[in-house]
């Protein structure tokens, strides 16, 4: 045999043919499988966020101005980060399940199997990115709500006490000693006998007089 000639290889076996058919089947169904998985993940993550937000499974203070300054800023930053992660994650999931809104040039077109494989890889990457960002959005939302739970108030909580002798008194608690309660009110310090109290109610702020 002269140099440069290629000798024919052994004939393909049944196993070789089956492997080639399976590889071709996987390539043809790769993109639809990725798109179906992306749609399922998109719906599941949308349900998760709906449960967290729409059905109030997590709920904190309704007004962040009730928090001390640094904590209010922290909550704002967490909510902004959650919004950014949620928006990018949603767009990534839409990209994974529906494709890229663009038209390829005719000169750059690949054969069908190759173009589907390239698109499947891009969709899978977008799916992983969307999942990670959506879960990060959920974690940031929970962190923001937890900050509203455990963050210190901008001003001390007040206590409103109603007694049979002095009526209704509202102020911040200074001291409790031997059945008496010392409150700091707008008009000064008031001593309240707890044995005469008919109601005690914690309030975020005293009602205006």
Protein backbone atom coordinates (compact mmCIF):
# COMPACT_ATOMS: atom_id res chain seq x y z
CA UNK A 1 0.00 0.00 0.00
CA UNK A 2 1.46 3.33 -1.09
CA UNK A 3 1.89 6.19 1.37
CA UNK A 4 -0.97 8.67 1.64
CA UNK A 5 -3.71 6.16 1.07
CA UNK A 6 -6.27 5.45 3.75
CA UNK A 7 -7.32 1.90 4.22
CA UNK A 8 -11.00 1.22 4.99
CA UNK A 9 -11.72 0.37 8.60
CA UNK A 10 -13.67 -2.54 9.89
CA UNK A 11 -17.38 -2.51 9.13
CA UNK A 12 -19.68 -0.90 11.66
CA UNK A 13 -21.21 -3.27 14.12
CA UNK A 14 -24.77 -3.28 15.37
CA UNK A 15 -23.64 -1.62 18.62
CA UNK A 16 -21.93 1.15 16.65
CA UNK A 17 -25.10 1.80 14.66
CA UNK A 18 -27.26 1.86 17.78
CA UNK A 19 -24.85 4.27 19.49
CA UNK A 20 -24.93 6.57 16.46
CA UNK A 21 -28.73 6.49 16.40
CA UNK A 22 -28.91 7.27 20.11
CA UNK A 23 -26.46 10.15 19.73
CA UNK A 24 -28.50 11.53 16.85
CA UNK A 25 -31.72 11.19 18.88
CA UNK A 26 -30.18 13.00 21.84
CA UNK A 27 -28.96 15.83 19.62
CA UNK A 28 -32.40 16.21 17.99
CA UNK A 29 -34.24 16.26 21.33
CA UNK A 30 -31.63 18.23 23.31
CA UNK A 31 -33.06 21.69 22.69
CA UNK A 32 -36.73 20.75 23.35
CA UNK A 33 -35.69 19.01 26.60
CA UNK A 34 -33.78 22.08 27.79
CA UNK A 35 -36.70 24.36 26.85
CA UNK A 36 -39.18 22.11 28.67
CA UNK A 37 -36.98 22.05 31.77
CA UNK A 38 -36.64 25.85 31.63
CA UNK A 39 -40.42 26.27 31.43
CA UNK A 40 -40.93 23.96 34.41
CA UNK A 41 -38.31 25.79 36.48
CA UNK A 42 -39.77 29.16 35.49
CA UNK A 43 -43.25 28.15 36.66
CA UNK A 44 -41.97 26.61 39.89
CA UNK A 45 -39.84 29.62 40.80
CA UNK A 46 -42.67 31.99 39.92
CA UNK A 47 -44.88 30.04 42.30
CA UNK A 48 -42.24 30.31 45.02
CA UNK A 49 -41.99 34.08 44.68
CA UNK A 50 -45.77 34.38 44.55
CA UNK A 51 -46.03 32.42 47.78
CA UNK A 52 -43.40 34.60 49.44
CA UNK A 53 -44.89 37.91 48.33
CA UNK A 54 -48.53 37.46 47.32
CA UNK A 55 -49.63 35.16 50.13
CA UNK A 56 -47.61 36.97 52.83
CA UNK A 57 -45.67 33.95 54.03
CA UNK A 58 -43.02 36.45 55.06
CA UNK A 59 -44.05 39.76 56.50
CA UNK A 60 -42.29 42.37 58.57
CA UNK A 61 -42.80 45.99 59.48
CA UNK A 62 -44.95 47.74 56.91
CA UNK A 63 -42.95 50.97 57.22
CA UNK A 64 -39.13 50.88 57.23
CA UNK A 65 -39.05 54.38 58.72
CA UNK A 66 -39.92 52.67 62.00
CA UNK A 67 -36.41 51.15 61.95
CA UNK A 68 -33.23 52.81 63.15
CA UNK A 69 -31.34 54.62 60.37
CA UNK A 70 -28.64 52.02 59.47
CA UNK A 71 -31.14 49.17 59.54
CA UNK A 72 -33.56 51.02 57.30
CA UNK A 73 -30.73 51.59 54.79
CA UNK A 74 -29.80 47.90 55.00
CA UNK A 75 -33.37 46.85 54.26
CA UNK A 76 -33.48 49.23 51.30
CA UNK A 77 -30.23 47.83 49.88
CA UNK A 78 -31.45 44.24 50.33
CA UNK A 79 -34.74 45.01 48.60
CA UNK A 80 -32.93 46.72 45.71
CA UNK A 81 -30.57 43.76 45.33
CA UNK A 82 -33.56 41.39 45.42
CA UNK A 83 -35.27 43.43 42.69
CA UNK A 84 -32.19 43.35 40.46
CA UNK A 85 -31.61 39.62 40.99
CA UNK A 86 -35.28 38.88 40.40
CA UNK A 87 -35.42 40.91 37.20
CA UNK A 88 -32.25 39.41 35.71
CA UNK A 89 -33.27 35.92 36.85
CA UNK A 90 -36.71 36.27 35.25
CA UNK A 91 -35.19 37.44 31.97
CA UNK A 92 -32.71 34.55 32.05
CA UNK A 93 -35.52 32.03 32.57
CA UNK A 94 -37.52 33.58 29.74
CA UNK A 95 -34.40 33.41 27.55
CA UNK A 96 -33.92 29.75 28.44
CA UNK A 97 -37.52 28.73 27.74
CA UNK A 98 -38.17 30.84 24.63
CA UNK A 99 -34.82 31.54 23.01
CA UNK A 100 -33.02 34.73 22.10
CA UNK A 101 -35.03 37.43 20.27
CA UNK A 102 -32.62 37.75 17.36
CA UNK A 103 -32.28 36.66 13.73
CA UNK A 104 -29.03 35.04 12.59
CA UNK A 105 -27.37 36.14 9.37
CA UNK A 106 -27.67 33.67 6.50
CA UNK A 107 -23.90 33.58 6.10
CA UNK A 108 -23.48 32.46 9.71
CA UNK A 109 -26.10 29.72 9.72
CA UNK A 110 -25.00 26.26 10.82
CA UNK A 111 -26.51 22.92 10.01
CA UNK A 112 -29.67 22.22 12.01
CA UNK A 113 -28.14 19.78 14.50
CA UNK A 114 -25.18 22.07 15.19
CA UNK A 115 -27.29 25.21 15.60
CA UNK A 116 -29.72 23.40 17.91
CA UNK A 117 -26.80 22.17 20.02
CA UNK A 118 -25.35 25.68 20.31
CA UNK A 119 -28.75 27.06 21.28
CA UNK A 120 -29.27 24.23 23.80
CA UNK A 121 -25.96 25.09 25.48
CA UNK A 122 -26.88 28.78 25.64
CA UNK A 123 -30.35 27.98 27.01
CA UNK A 124 -28.90 25.64 29.65
CA UNK A 125 -26.50 28.37 30.78
CA UNK A 126 -29.36 30.88 30.94
CA UNK A 127 -31.44 28.36 32.92
CA UNK A 128 -28.70 27.83 35.51
CA UNK A 129 -28.20 31.58 35.78
CA UNK A 130 -31.92 32.20 36.15
CA UNK A 131 -32.30 29.56 38.87
CA UNK A 132 -29.37 30.94 40.86
CA UNK A 133 -30.54 34.55 40.60
CA UNK A 134 -34.16 33.75 41.44
CA UNK A 135 -33.13 31.80 44.53
CA UNK A 136 -30.81 34.67 45.46
CA UNK A 137 -33.78 37.02 45.10
CA UNK A 138 -35.78 34.85 47.53
CA UNK A 139 -32.92 34.79 50.04
CA UNK A 140 -32.52 38.58 49.82
CA UNK A 141 -36.26 39.06 50.37
CA UNK A 142 -36.17 36.86 53.46
CA UNK A 143 -33.09 38.74 54.72
CA UNK A 144 -34.85 42.08 54.21
CA UNK A 145 -37.93 40.93 56.11
CA UNK A 146 -35.78 39.42 58.87
CA UNK A 147 -34.03 42.79 59.19
CA UNK A 148 -37.39 44.46 59.74
CA UNK A 149 -38.20 41.87 62.40
CA UNK A 150 -34.99 42.10 64.40
CA UNK A 151 -33.82 45.61 63.59
CA UNK A 152 -34.07 48.16 66.41
CA UNK A 153 -36.88 50.69 66.29
CA UNK A 154 -36.17 54.27 65.40
CA UNK A 155 -37.59 55.25 68.76
CA UNK A 156 -38.49 53.24 71.86
CA UNK A 157 -41.82 51.46 71.91
CA UNK A 158 -44.47 53.05 74.08
CA UNK A 159 -46.91 51.58 76.56
CA UNK A 160 -50.49 52.77 76.94
CA UNK A 161 -52.04 52.08 80.33
CA UNK A 162 -55.62 52.70 81.40
CA UNK A 163 -56.40 52.95 85.12
CA UNK A 164 -59.45 53.79 87.16
CA UNK A 165 -57.79 56.79 88.81
CA UNK A 166 -55.64 58.60 86.22
CA UNK A 167 -57.39 57.37 83.09
CA UNK A 168 -55.33 56.60 79.98
CA UNK A 169 -51.58 57.27 80.16
CA UNK A 170 -49.11 56.67 77.33
CA UNK A 171 -45.33 56.91 77.38
CA UNK A 172 -42.04 55.03 77.37
CA UNK A 173 -41.23 52.80 80.30
CA UNK A 174 -38.52 54.10 82.62
CA UNK A 175 -38.82 51.75 85.54
CA UNK A 176 -41.02 49.02 87.05
CA UNK A 177 -40.78 48.69 90.84
CA UNK A 178 -43.03 46.98 93.41
CA UNK A 179 -46.25 47.11 91.45
CA UNK A 180 -45.71 50.62 90.10
CA UNK A 181 -44.78 51.71 86.61
CA UNK A 182 -42.85 54.88 85.85
CA UNK A 183 -43.68 56.26 82.38
CA UNK A 184 -42.07 59.15 80.56
CA UNK A 185 -44.86 61.06 78.83
CA UNK A 186 -45.00 64.29 76.85
CA UNK A 187 -46.11 66.10 80.02
CA UNK A 188 -43.44 64.56 82.25
CA UNK A 189 -42.92 61.44 84.35
CA UNK A 190 -46.03 59.66 85.59
CA UNK A 191 -46.24 56.89 88.20
CA UNK A 192 -48.94 54.32 87.49
CA UNK A 193 -50.19 51.79 90.05
CA UNK A 194 -50.38 48.50 88.15
CA UNK A 195 -52.95 47.08 90.55
CA UNK A 196 -55.38 49.71 89.28
CA UNK A 197 -54.60 49.11 85.60
CA UNK A 198 -57.46 47.76 83.51
CA UNK A 199 -55.57 47.57 80.19
CA UNK A 200 -51.94 47.59 79.08
CA UNK A 201 -51.12 47.88 75.40
CA UNK A 202 -47.78 48.21 73.64
CA UNK A 203 -47.92 50.80 70.86
CA UNK A 204 -45.38 52.04 68.37
CA UNK A 205 -46.25 55.64 69.17
CA UNK A 206 -48.51 57.40 71.64
CA UNK A 207 -51.71 58.84 70.17
CA UNK A 208 -51.77 62.63 69.87
CA UNK A 209 -53.59 64.46 72.61
